[in-house]
C-alpha atoms as a PDB file:
ATOM      1  CA  UNK A   1     -68.189 -24.977 109.867  1.00  0.00           C
ATOM      2  CA  UNK A   2     -71.354 -25.274 111.971  1.00  0.00           C
ATOM      3  CA  UNK A   3     -71.288 -21.512 112.465  1.00  0.00           C
ATOM      4  CA  UNK A   4     -71.042 -21.032 108.701  1.00  0.00           C
ATOM      5  CA  UNK A   5     -74.061 -23.307 108.072  1.00  0.00           C
ATOM      6  CA  UNK A   6     -76.025 -21.528 110.827  1.00  0.00           C
ATOM      7  CA  UNK A   7     -75.319 -18.102 109.310  1.00  0.00           C
ATOM      8  CA  UNK A   8     -75.883 -19.022 105.658  1.00  0.00           C
ATOM      9  CA  UNK A   9     -79.221 -20.753 106.408  1.00  0.00           C
ATOM     10  CA  UNK A  10     -80.204 -18.035 108.915  1.00  0.00           C
ATOM     11  CA  UNK A  11     -81.121 -20.625 111.564  1.00  0.00           C
ATOM     12  CA  UNK A  12     -80.529 -18.139 114.396  1.00  0.00           C
ATOM     13  CA  UNK A  13     -78.980 -20.698 116.747  1.00  0.00           C
ATOM     14  CA  UNK A  14     -76.973 -19.207 119.601  1.00  0.00           C
ATOM     15  CA  UNK A  15     -73.312 -20.161 119.710  1.00  0.00           C
ATOM     16  CA  UNK A  16     -73.867 -22.232 122.898  1.00  0.00           C
ATOM     17  CA  UNK A  17     -76.641 -24.241 121.153  1.00  0.00           C
ATOM     18  CA  UNK A  18     -74.563 -24.775 118.034  1.00  0.00           C
ATOM     19  CA  UNK A  19     -74.034 -28.511 117.904  1.00  0.00           C
ATOM     20  CA  UNK A  20     -74.492 -30.893 115.005  1.00  0.00           C
ATOM     21  CA  UNK A  21     -77.536 -32.454 116.686  1.00  0.00           C
ATOM     22  CA  UNK A  22     -79.224 -29.072 117.298  1.00  0.00           C
ATOM     23  CA  UNK A  23     -78.382 -27.953 113.764  1.00  0.00           C
ATOM     24  CA  UNK A  24     -79.955 -31.084 112.223  1.00  0.00           C
ATOM     25  CA  UNK A  25     -83.004 -30.778 114.483  1.00  0.00           C
ATOM     26  CA  UNK A  26     -83.539 -27.130 113.500  1.00  0.00           C
ATOM     27  CA  UNK A  27     -83.222 -28.004 109.774  1.00  0.00           C
ATOM     28  CA  UNK A  28     -85.719 -30.904 110.164  1.00  0.00           C
ATOM     29  CA  UNK A  29     -88.121 -28.573 111.958  1.00  0.00           C
ATOM     30  CA  UNK A  30     -87.917 -26.042 109.147  1.00  0.00           C
ATOM     31  CA  UNK A  31     -88.452 -28.747 106.524  1.00  0.00           C
ATOM     32  CA  UNK A  32     -91.558 -30.004 108.280  1.00  0.00           C
ATOM     33  CA  UNK A  33     -92.919 -26.565 109.162  1.00  0.00           C
ATOM     34  CA  UNK A  34     -91.470 -23.778 106.990  1.00  0.00           C
ATOM     35  CA  UNK A  35     -91.205 -20.359 108.621  1.00  0.00           C
ATOM     36  CA  UNK A  36     -94.090 -17.929 108.260  1.00  0.00           C
ATOM     37  CA  UNK A  37     -93.049 -14.876 106.337  1.00  0.00           C
ATOM     38  CA  UNK A  38     -94.328 -11.745 107.928  1.00  0.00           C
ATOM     39  CA  UNK A  39     -96.903  -9.850 105.892  1.00  0.00           C
ATOM     40  CA  UNK A  40     -95.138  -6.593 106.634  1.00  0.00           C
ATOM     41  CA  UNK A  41     -91.884  -7.909 105.135  1.00  0.00           C
ATOM     42  CA  UNK A  42     -93.757  -8.984 102.001  1.00  0.00           C
ATOM     43  CA  UNK A  43     -95.407  -5.577 101.647  1.00  0.00           C
ATOM     44  CA  UNK A  44     -92.082  -3.849 102.214  1.00  0.00           C
ATOM     45  CA  UNK A  45     -90.428  -5.982  99.541  1.00  0.00           C
ATOM     46  CA  UNK A  46     -93.318  -5.315  97.130  1.00  0.00           C
ATOM     47  CA  UNK A  47     -92.937  -1.564  97.689  1.00  0.00           C
ATOM     48  CA  UNK A  48     -89.203  -1.804  97.049  1.00  0.00           C
ATOM     49  CA  UNK A  49     -89.863  -3.816  93.884  1.00  0.00           C
ATOM     50  CA  UNK A  50     -92.398  -1.251  92.630  1.00  0.00           C
ATOM     51  CA  UNK A  51     -90.018   1.600  93.387  1.00  0.00           C
ATOM     52  CA  UNK A  52     -87.181  -0.204  91.612  1.00  0.00           C
ATOM     53  CA  UNK A  53     -89.404  -0.808  88.550  1.00  0.00           C
ATOM     54  CA  UNK A  54     -90.373   2.871  88.431  1.00  0.00           C
ATOM     55  CA  UNK A  55     -86.737   3.894  88.719  1.00  0.00           C
ATOM     56  CA  UNK A  56     -85.786   1.555  85.888  1.00  0.00           C
ATOM     57  CA  UNK A  57     -88.565   2.955  83.670  1.00  0.00           C
ATOM     58  CA  UNK A  58     -87.531   6.524  84.487  1.00  0.00           C
ATOM     59  CA  UNK A  59     -83.872   5.803  83.744  1.00  0.00           C
ATOM     60  CA  UNK A  60     -84.774   4.124  80.447  1.00  0.00           C
ATOM     61  CA  UNK A  61     -86.727   7.237  79.413  1.00  0.00           C
ATOM     62  CA  UNK A  62     -83.785   9.460  80.341  1.00  0.00           C
ATOM     63  CA  UNK A  63     -81.390   7.284  78.368  1.00  0.00           C
ATOM     64  CA  UNK A  64     -83.799   7.394  75.435  1.00  0.00           C
ATOM     65  CA  UNK A  65     -83.842  11.211  75.566  1.00  0.00           C
ATOM     66  CA  UNK A  66     -80.097  11.527  75.910  1.00  0.00           C
ATOM     67  CA  UNK A  67     -79.103   8.977  73.327  1.00  0.00           C
ATOM     68  CA  UNK A  68     -82.036   9.138  70.939  1.00  0.00           C
ATOM     69  CA  UNK A  69     -80.742   7.999  67.579  1.00  0.00           C
ATOM     70  CA  UNK A  70     -80.727  10.754  64.993  1.00  0.00           C
ATOM     71  CA  UNK A  71     -79.233  10.488  61.517  1.00  0.00           C
ATOM     72  CA  UNK A  72     -75.971  12.229  62.353  1.00  0.00           C
ATOM     73  CA  UNK A  73     -76.073  12.515  66.120  1.00  0.00           C
ATOM     74  CA  UNK A  74     -77.792  15.917  66.251  1.00  0.00           C
ATOM     75  CA  UNK A  75     -79.894  16.746  69.258  1.00  0.00           C
ATOM     76  CA  UNK A  76     -83.569  15.951  68.750  1.00  0.00           C
ATOM     77  CA  UNK A  77     -84.566  19.422  70.012  1.00  0.00           C
ATOM     78  CA  UNK A  78     -82.558  21.080  67.220  1.00  0.00           C
ATOM     79  CA  UNK A  79     -84.147  18.821  64.604  1.00  0.00           C
ATOM     80  CA  UNK A  80     -87.641  19.572  65.967  1.00  0.00           C
ATOM     81  CA  UNK A  81     -87.005  23.325  65.823  1.00  0.00           C
ATOM     82  CA  UNK A  82     -85.682  23.057  62.260  1.00  0.00           C
ATOM     83  CA  UNK A  83     -88.638  20.909  61.187  1.00  0.00           C
ATOM     84  CA  UNK A  84     -91.127  23.408  62.616  1.00  0.00           C
ATOM     85  CA  UNK A  85     -89.411  26.257  60.753  1.00  0.00           C
ATOM     86  CA  UNK A  86     -89.390  24.271  57.504  1.00  0.00           C
ATOM     87  CA  UNK A  87     -93.030  23.245  57.820  1.00  0.00           C
ATOM     88  CA  UNK A  88     -94.032  26.862  58.500  1.00  0.00           C
ATOM     89  CA  UNK A  89     -92.130  27.944  55.371  1.00  0.00           C
ATOM     90  CA  UNK A  90     -93.608  25.196  53.197  1.00  0.00           C
ATOM     91  CA  UNK A  91     -97.133  25.506  54.586  1.00  0.00           C
ATOM     92  CA  UNK A  92     -97.593  29.098  55.815  1.00  0.00           C
ATOM     93  CA  UNK A  93    -100.405  29.484  58.353  1.00  0.00           C
ATOM     94  CA  UNK A  94    -101.294  25.785  58.080  1.00  0.00           C
ATOM     95  CA  UNK A  95     -99.196  24.226  60.862  1.00  0.00           C
ATOM     96  CA  UNK A  96    -101.794  23.730  63.580  1.00  0.00           C
ATOM     97  CA  UNK A  97    -101.273  23.644  67.334  1.00  0.00           C
ATOM     98  CA  UNK A  98    -101.791  19.864  67.481  1.00  0.00           C
ATOM     99  CA  UNK A  99     -98.948  19.233  65.034  1.00  0.00           C
ATOM    100  CA  UNK A 100     -96.646  21.593  66.954  1.00  0.00           C
ATOM    101  CA  UNK A 101     -97.412  19.757  70.197  1.00  0.00           C
ATOM    102  CA  UNK A 102     -96.869  16.348  68.603  1.00  0.00           C
ATOM    103  CA  UNK A 103     -93.522  17.457  67.168  1.00  0.00           C
ATOM    104  CA  UNK A 104     -92.378  18.873  70.496  1.00  0.00           C
ATOM    105  CA  UNK A 105     -93.444  15.680  72.318  1.00  0.00           C
ATOM    106  CA  UNK A 106     -91.385  13.473  69.977  1.00  0.00           C
ATOM    107  CA  UNK A 107     -88.686  11.628  71.892  1.00  0.00           C
ATOM    108  CA  UNK A 108     -87.013   9.835  68.984  1.00  0.00           C
ATOM    109  CA  UNK A 109     -86.215  10.680  65.406  1.00  0.00           C
ATOM    110  CA  UNK A 110     -88.663   7.990  64.247  1.00  0.00           C
ATOM    111  CA  UNK A 111     -91.522   9.656  66.159  1.00  0.00           C
ATOM    112  CA  UNK A 112     -90.556  13.006  64.651  1.00  0.00           C
ATOM    113  CA  UNK A 113     -90.554  11.563  61.132  1.00  0.00           C
ATOM    114  CA  UNK A 114     -93.964   9.975  61.748  1.00  0.00           C
ATOM    115  CA  UNK A 115     -95.551  13.246  62.950  1.00  0.00           C
ATOM    116  CA  UNK A 116     -94.015  15.233  60.088  1.00  0.00           C
ATOM    117  CA  UNK A 117     -95.117  12.611  57.548  1.00  0.00           C
ATOM    118  CA  UNK A 118     -98.672  12.587  58.908  1.00  0.00           C
ATOM    119  CA  UNK A 119     -98.866  16.386  58.672  1.00  0.00           C
ATOM    120  CA  UNK A 120     -97.520  16.474  55.103  1.00  0.00           C
ATOM    121  CA  UNK A 121     -99.883  13.654  54.111  1.00  0.00           C
ATOM    122  CA  UNK A 122    -102.824  15.617  55.548  1.00  0.00           C
ATOM    123  CA  UNK A 123    -101.757  18.758  53.643  1.00  0.00           C
ATOM    124  CA  UNK A 124    -101.325  16.810  50.402  1.00  0.00           C
ATOM    125  CA  UNK A 125    -104.778  15.297  50.864  1.00  0.00           C
ATOM    126  CA  UNK A 126    -106.260  18.792  51.356  1.00  0.00           C
ATOM    127  CA  UNK A 127    -104.423  20.053  48.279  1.00  0.00           C
ATOM    128  CA  UNK A 128    -105.618  17.078  46.239  1.00  0.00           C
ATOM    129  CA  UNK A 129    -109.195  17.719  47.335  1.00  0.00           C
ATOM    130  CA  UNK A 130    -108.858  21.423  46.486  1.00  0.00           C
ATOM    131  CA  UNK A 131    -107.333  20.544  43.112  1.00  0.00           C
ATOM    132  CA  UNK A 132    -110.210  18.185  42.344  1.00  0.00           C
ATOM    133  CA  UNK A 133    -112.770  20.882  43.229  1.00  0.00           C
ATOM    134  CA  UNK A 134    -110.930  23.426  41.049  1.00  0.00           C
ATOM    135  CA  UNK A 135    -110.727  20.912  38.208  1.00  0.00           C
ATOM    136  CA  UNK A 136    -114.472  20.248  38.417  1.00  0.00           C
ATOM    137  CA  UNK A 137    -115.211  23.985  38.487  1.00  0.00           C
ATOM    138  CA  UNK A 138    -112.825  24.522  35.566  1.00  0.00           C
ATOM    139  CA  UNK A 139    -114.483  21.714  33.608  1.00  0.00           C
ATOM    140  CA  UNK A 140    -117.887  23.244  34.303  1.00  0.00           C
ATOM    141  CA  UNK A 141    -116.656  26.690  33.182  1.00  0.00           C
ATOM    142  CA  UNK A 142    -115.189  25.226  29.970  1.00  0.00           C
ATOM    143  CA  UNK A 143    -118.503  23.513  29.176  1.00  0.00           C
ATOM    144  CA  UNK A 144    -120.364  26.769  29.863  1.00  0.00           C
ATOM    145  CA  UNK A 145    -117.906  28.679  27.669  1.00  0.00           C
ATOM    146  CA  UNK A 146    -118.374  26.175  24.826  1.00  0.00           C
ATOM    147  CA  UNK A 147    -122.163  26.540  25.033  1.00  0.00           C
ATOM    148  CA  UNK A 148    -121.884  30.334  25.045  1.00  0.00           C
ATOM    149  CA  UNK A 149    -119.543  30.180  22.035  1.00  0.00           C
ATOM    150  CA  UNK A 150    -121.965  27.913  20.190  1.00  0.00           C
ATOM    151  CA  UNK A 151    -124.827  30.325  20.961  1.00  0.00           C
ATOM    152  CA  UNK A 152    -122.735  33.325  19.846  1.00  0.00           C
ATOM    153  CA  UNK A 153    -121.834  31.593  16.568  1.00  0.00           C
ATOM    154  CA  UNK A 154    -125.501  30.648  16.058  1.00  0.00           C
ATOM    155  CA  UNK A 155    -126.634  34.251  16.640  1.00  0.00           C
ATOM    156  CA  UNK A 156    -123.877  35.542  14.343  1.00  0.00           C
ATOM    157  CA  UNK A 157    -124.943  33.088  11.629  1.00  0.00           C
ATOM    158  CA  UNK A 158    -128.596  34.076  12.026  1.00  0.00           C
ATOM    159  CA  UNK A 159    -127.609  37.749  11.843  1.00  0.00           C
ATOM    160  CA  UNK A 160    -125.678  37.135   8.624  1.00  0.00           C
ATOM    161  CA  UNK A 161    -128.636  35.277   7.131  1.00  0.00           C
ATOM    162  CA  UNK A 162    -130.989  38.083   8.130  1.00  0.00           C
ATOM    163  CA  UNK A 163    -128.665  40.681   6.547  1.00  0.00           C
ATOM    164  CA  UNK A 164    -128.378  38.513   3.421  1.00  0.00           C
ATOM    165  CA  UNK A 165    -132.157  38.197   3.135  1.00  0.00           C
ATOM    166  CA  UNK A 166    -132.560  41.969   3.544  1.00  0.00           C
ATOM    167  CA  UNK A 167    -129.958  42.663   0.863  1.00  0.00           C
ATOM    168  CA  UNK A 168    -131.749  40.337  -1.551  1.00  0.00           C
ATOM    169  CA  UNK A 169    -135.078  42.112  -0.858  1.00  0.00           C
ATOM    170  CA  UNK A 170    -133.438  45.487  -1.361  1.00  0.00           C
ATOM    171  CA  UNK A 171    -132.044  44.499  -4.762  1.00  0.00           C
ATOM    172  CA  UNK A 172    -135.363  43.221  -5.918  1.00  0.00           C
END
C-alpha cells in the first residue's frame, strides 16, 4: 500500500526508505514547499498543447470538407461546378474572376448559396440601374417625339391656312 501511495503521488522514495514515517514526512515537505516545475517541462507542454490545438482545427476542417451538408448529399465540388456553368449561361460574360474564386473557395453549401446570391443580387442591381437609365432615355425620347409631332401639326395647320388664304385671293 505504501508503494502504491508513493507511485501515485510520484514521491520518488526508494523502496528501502519507504516507511510510513518517511512517507508522511515527504508529504508534509511537499505541502509546505511545493515542487518547482521546470520551465522546460512547461514549455514542452505548451508546445504539445499548441500542436494538439492545431491538429484539432485541421481535423475539424477536414471533417467539414468531407461531410459538408448539401441538400441531397452531393459533393460540394460538383455543386460548385454546376453553379458556375449555370451562372455563365444565365449571365454570359458577366461572371467575374472574383466570383469564380469565391465559389471555388466555398467549403459548405451555405457559403456557396451566399456567394451565388451576392452575385445574382449584384447583377439584378446592374440590370435595374440599366433599366432605369433606359426608361429615362425612353421618356426623354417620347417627350421629344411629342414636341416634334406638335410642331409638325402646327406647320401642317399653318400650311393649310396659307393655301386657304391663297385660294381665296385667287377667286377674288
